[in-house]
Amino acid sequence: MSINKMMPFQMIRFLILCALLASLTALAEDEKPDLDADDIAAVLQQELKLDEQQTQQVRAAMEEFGAQLEKLLEEQEGEDADPEKMIKGIKQAQDAHNSELQKILGKDKFKQYEAMKEQAIKGVLADLVEIQLMDVQHKTSLTNEQVTKLSGVLGDSKYSLVKIAWENAGKKLRPRHKVKLAKQLKGIQRDARAQIEKILTPEQLKAWDKHKEEQQQKKK
């Protein structure tokens, strides 16, 4: 069974959006809603010290990849939507895009680009977590400092979970691989829990667990 058949469609859509985010918009540090390939190329030119030719090539690669993803997503809006086909198409486009960028940037600068991308995605996820924590802050008496710490921990945890899920999406997993994957996911959750316990007081932890349990009950 492929992992995308095991996941709800909303998770698949989220993974796809993360792939889009990872490759296109996450690198821009300003938060303009109309970011495009020009903005991202400009950031990379400055951060990676690209020459004009490299910058133009990066811009063209970003535009082409963005167009491919748009087309793939549009194809899934009809009644004949096929998530498995969409994931396969996006992964192929992403691999081709990364290969093209590596040719343009060279090995060392491509590694820098990948590191920038990872940090940017973690930052975006941490921001999303912080917004979610606003709803639970008063129930658990969290300080602003605790919210910031928790946002970083949970943002990193979500990144690790999303990364593993995306890497395995579309693959047919053998039982041994499923067990290994389950252990990896539990390990990520266990590490996050250990860090949460260091941030919260015993009383706050009880309130945190109660809130989480209530949220789980609502989903049933």
Protein backbone atom coordinates (compact mmCIF):
# COMPACT_ATOMS: atom_id res chain seq x y z
CA MET A 1 0.00 0.00 0.00
CA SER A 2 1.34 3.45 -0.86
CA ILE A 3 1.57 5.98 1.95
CA ASN A 4 -0.69 8.51 0.19
CA LYS A 5 -3.54 5.96 0.33
CA MET A 6 -3.05 5.83 4.08
CA MET A 7 -3.34 9.60 4.50
CA PRO A 8 -6.46 11.84 4.27
CA PHE A 9 -6.62 14.07 1.20
CA GLN A 10 -6.17 17.21 3.33
CA MET A 11 -2.77 15.89 4.46
CA ILE A 12 -1.80 15.21 0.86
CA ARG A 13 -2.78 18.76 -0.10
CA PHE A 14 -0.76 20.09 2.86
CA LEU A 15 2.31 18.12 1.81
CA ILE A 16 1.98 19.46 -1.73
CA LEU A 17 1.70 23.02 -0.47
CA CYS A 18 4.81 22.42 1.65
CA ALA A 19 6.65 21.23 -1.45
CA LEU A 20 5.53 24.35 -3.26
CA LEU A 21 6.52 26.50 -0.30
CA ALA A 22 9.87 24.76 0.01
CA SER A 23 10.84 25.37 -3.57
CA LEU A 24 9.41 28.79 -4.27
CA THR A 25 8.20 31.21 -1.65
CA ALA A 26 9.88 30.22 1.62
CA LEU A 27 13.21 31.79 0.77
CA ALA A 28 11.93 35.35 0.67
CA GLU A 29 12.38 37.00 4.04
CA ASP A 30 9.91 39.82 3.50
CA GLU A 31 6.31 38.75 3.90
CA LYS A 32 4.76 40.27 0.79
CA PRO A 33 1.74 38.24 -0.38
CA ASP A 34 2.64 38.65 -4.06
CA LEU A 35 6.08 37.04 -4.02
CA ASP A 36 7.19 35.70 -7.38
CA ALA A 37 10.29 34.27 -9.06
CA ASP A 38 11.88 37.75 -9.28
CA ASP A 39 11.67 38.22 -5.49
CA ILE A 40 13.15 34.81 -4.76
CA ALA A 41 15.90 35.16 -7.35
CA ALA A 42 16.82 38.53 -5.82
CA VAL A 43 17.09 36.97 -2.34
CA LEU A 44 19.24 34.13 -3.66
CA GLN A 45 21.43 36.54 -5.61
CA GLN A 46 22.22 38.42 -2.42
CA GLU A 47 22.51 35.48 -0.02
CA LEU A 48 24.45 33.16 -2.35
CA LYS A 49 26.38 35.89 -4.15
CA LEU A 50 25.17 34.86 -7.60
CA ASP A 51 26.33 36.60 -10.76
CA GLU A 52 23.80 38.07 -13.19
CA GLN A 53 23.73 35.01 -15.45
CA GLN A 54 23.08 32.65 -12.53
CA THR A 55 20.34 34.96 -11.22
CA GLN A 56 18.57 34.97 -14.57
CA GLN A 57 18.85 31.19 -14.83
CA VAL A 58 17.48 30.73 -11.31
CA ARG A 59 14.57 33.06 -12.11
CA ALA A 60 13.73 31.09 -15.25
CA ALA A 61 13.94 27.77 -13.36
CA MET A 62 11.63 29.08 -10.62
CA GLU A 63 9.08 30.33 -13.15
CA GLU A 64 9.09 27.04 -15.04
CA PHE A 65 8.71 24.98 -11.86
CA GLY A 66 5.92 27.24 -10.59
CA ALA A 67 4.03 26.81 -13.86
CA GLN A 68 4.41 23.03 -13.68
CA LEU A 69 3.05 22.91 -10.13
CA GLU A 70 0.13 25.17 -11.01
CA LYS A 71 -0.79 22.90 -13.88
CA LEU A 72 -0.58 19.78 -11.71
CA LEU A 73 -2.76 21.35 -9.01
CA GLU A 74 -5.33 22.59 -11.55
CA GLU A 75 -5.66 19.06 -12.93
CA GLN A 76 -6.82 17.91 -9.49
CA GLU A 77 -9.71 20.35 -9.23
CA GLY A 78 -12.08 18.27 -11.39
CA GLU A 79 -14.02 15.10 -10.65
CA ASP A 80 -11.21 12.93 -12.00
CA ALA A 81 -8.74 14.03 -9.31
CA ASP A 82 -5.98 11.48 -8.76
CA PRO A 83 -3.84 12.35 -5.69
CA GLU A 84 -1.36 9.56 -6.39
CA LYS A 85 -0.76 10.82 -9.93
CA MET A 86 -0.45 14.38 -8.63
CA ILE A 87 2.15 13.44 -6.02
CA LYS A 88 4.16 11.51 -8.60
CA GLY A 89 4.04 14.46 -10.99
CA ILE A 90 5.11 16.95 -8.33
CA LYS A 91 7.98 14.75 -7.16
CA GLN A 92 9.22 14.37 -10.73
CA ALA A 93 8.98 18.11 -11.30
CA GLN A 94 10.71 18.81 -7.99
CA ASP A 95 13.57 16.41 -8.75
CA ALA A 96 14.08 17.95 -12.18
CA HIS A 97 13.94 21.45 -10.66
CA ASN A 98 16.53 20.59 -8.00
CA SER A 99 18.81 19.05 -10.62
CA GLU A 100 18.57 22.20 -12.70
CA LEU A 101 19.31 24.42 -9.69
CA GLN A 102 22.32 22.30 -8.75
CA LYS A 103 23.71 22.76 -12.27
CA ILE A 104 23.20 26.52 -12.02
CA LEU A 105 24.44 27.02 -8.46
CA GLY A 106 27.11 24.36 -8.17
CA LYS A 107 27.41 21.81 -5.38
CA ASP A 108 28.41 24.15 -2.53
CA LYS A 109 25.90 26.90 -3.22
CA PHE A 110 23.13 24.36 -3.75
CA LYS A 111 23.85 23.02 -0.24
CA GLN A 112 23.55 26.58 1.08
CA TYR A 113 20.27 26.95 -0.79
CA GLU A 114 18.94 23.71 0.75
CA ALA A 115 19.93 24.90 4.24
CA MET A 116 18.21 28.26 3.65
CA LYS A 117 15.11 26.47 2.44
CA GLU A 118 14.98 24.22 5.50
CA GLN A 119 15.34 27.11 7.94
CA ALA A 120 12.71 29.13 6.09
CA ILE A 121 10.18 26.29 6.18
CA LYS A 122 10.83 25.68 9.88
CA GLY A 123 10.25 29.39 10.47
CA VAL A 124 6.95 29.34 8.60
CA LEU A 125 5.78 26.26 10.51
CA ALA A 126 6.83 27.83 13.83
CA ASP A 127 4.77 30.92 12.96
CA LEU A 128 1.75 28.73 12.21
CA VAL A 129 2.20 26.91 15.52
CA GLU A 130 2.46 30.21 17.38
CA ILE A 131 -0.89 31.28 15.95
CA GLN A 132 -2.43 27.98 17.06
CA LEU A 133 -0.95 28.38 20.55
CA MET A 134 -2.81 31.66 21.01
CA ASP A 135 -5.98 29.59 21.50
CA VAL A 136 -4.44 27.47 24.24
CA GLN A 137 -2.29 30.14 25.92
CA HIS A 138 -4.94 31.30 28.39
CA LYS A 139 -6.01 27.72 29.21
CA THR A 140 -2.48 26.72 30.18
CA SER A 141 -1.25 30.08 31.52
CA LEU A 142 1.65 30.14 29.05
CA THR A 143 4.00 33.09 29.12
CA ASN A 144 5.02 34.75 25.87
CA GLU A 145 8.49 33.30 26.33
CA GLN A 146 7.05 29.80 26.65
CA VAL A 147 4.93 30.31 23.54
CA THR A 148 8.04 31.28 21.59
CA LYS A 149 9.96 28.23 22.83
CA LEU A 150 7.07 25.88 22.13
CA SER A 151 6.63 27.34 18.63
CA GLY A 152 10.24 26.48 17.81
CA VAL A 153 10.00 22.95 19.22
CA LEU A 154 6.69 22.13 17.55
CA GLY A 155 7.67 23.85 14.30
CA ASP A 156 10.80 21.69 14.05
CA SER A 157 8.75 18.61 14.94
CA LYS A 158 6.17 19.35 12.24
CA TYR A 159 8.96 19.89 9.72
CA SER A 160 10.46 16.48 10.51
CA LEU A 161 7.06 14.79 10.25
CA VAL A 162 6.21 16.52 6.97
CA LYS A 163 9.63 15.74 5.53
CA ILE A 164 9.30 12.02 6.26
CA ALA A 165 5.74 11.90 4.99
CA TRP A 166 6.64 13.69 1.76
CA GLU A 167 9.70 11.52 1.15
CA ASN A 168 7.53 8.41 1.43
CA ALA A 169 4.40 9.73 -0.32
CA GLY A 170 3.59 7.70 -3.42
CA LYS A 171 5.82 4.79 -2.40
CA LYS A 172 4.64 1.24 -1.89
CA LEU A 173 5.85 0.39 1.59
CA ARG A 174 6.74 -3.11 2.70
CA PRO A 175 5.78 -4.16 6.25
CA ARG A 176 9.38 -3.78 7.49
CA HIS A 177 9.56 -0.26 6.04
CA LYS A 178 6.21 0.63 7.64
CA VAL A 179 7.50 -0.48 11.05
CA LYS A 180 10.70 1.54 10.58
CA LEU A 181 8.67 4.57 9.50
CA ALA A 182 6.35 4.25 12.50
CA LYS A 183 9.37 4.15 14.83
CA GLN A 184 10.79 7.29 13.20
CA LEU A 185 7.51 9.15 13.63
CA LYS A 186 7.16 8.05 17.26
CA GLY A 187 10.75 9.10 17.90
CA ILE A 188 10.04 12.60 16.60
CA GLN A 189 6.93 12.85 18.77
CA ARG A 190 8.81 11.51 21.81
CA ASP A 191 11.62 14.06 21.38
CA ALA A 192 9.11 16.89 21.05
CA ARG A 193 7.31 15.72 24.17
CA ALA A 194 10.56 15.65 26.16
CA GLN A 195 11.27 19.25 25.16
CA ILE A 196 7.72 20.35 25.97
CA GLU A 197 8.08 18.86 29.47
CA LYS A 198 11.19 20.99 30.00
CA ILE A 199 9.36 24.17 28.99
CA LEU A 200 6.11 23.73 30.94
CA THR A 201 5.53 23.52 34.68
CA PRO A 202 3.79 20.35 36.00
CA GLU A 203 0.50 22.27 36.33
CA GLN A 204 0.78 23.66 32.82
CA LEU A 205 1.61 20.22 31.46
CA LYS A 206 -1.60 18.82 32.98
CA ALA A 207 -3.63 21.62 31.38
CA TRP A 208 -1.78 21.07 28.08
CA ASP A 209 -2.56 17.35 28.07
CA LYS A 210 -6.19 18.02 28.96
CA HIS A 211 -6.53 20.44 26.06
CA LYS A 212 -4.90 17.98 23.64
CA GLU A 213 -7.26 15.23 24.79
CA GLU A 214 -10.28 17.52 24.29
CA GLN A 215 -9.09 18.34 20.77
CA GLN A 216 -8.73 14.65 19.96
CA GLN A 217 -12.24 13.92 21.25
CA LYS A 218 -13.67 16.63 18.98
CA LYS A 219 -12.09 14.97 15.95
CA LYS A 220 -13.81 11.64 16.67
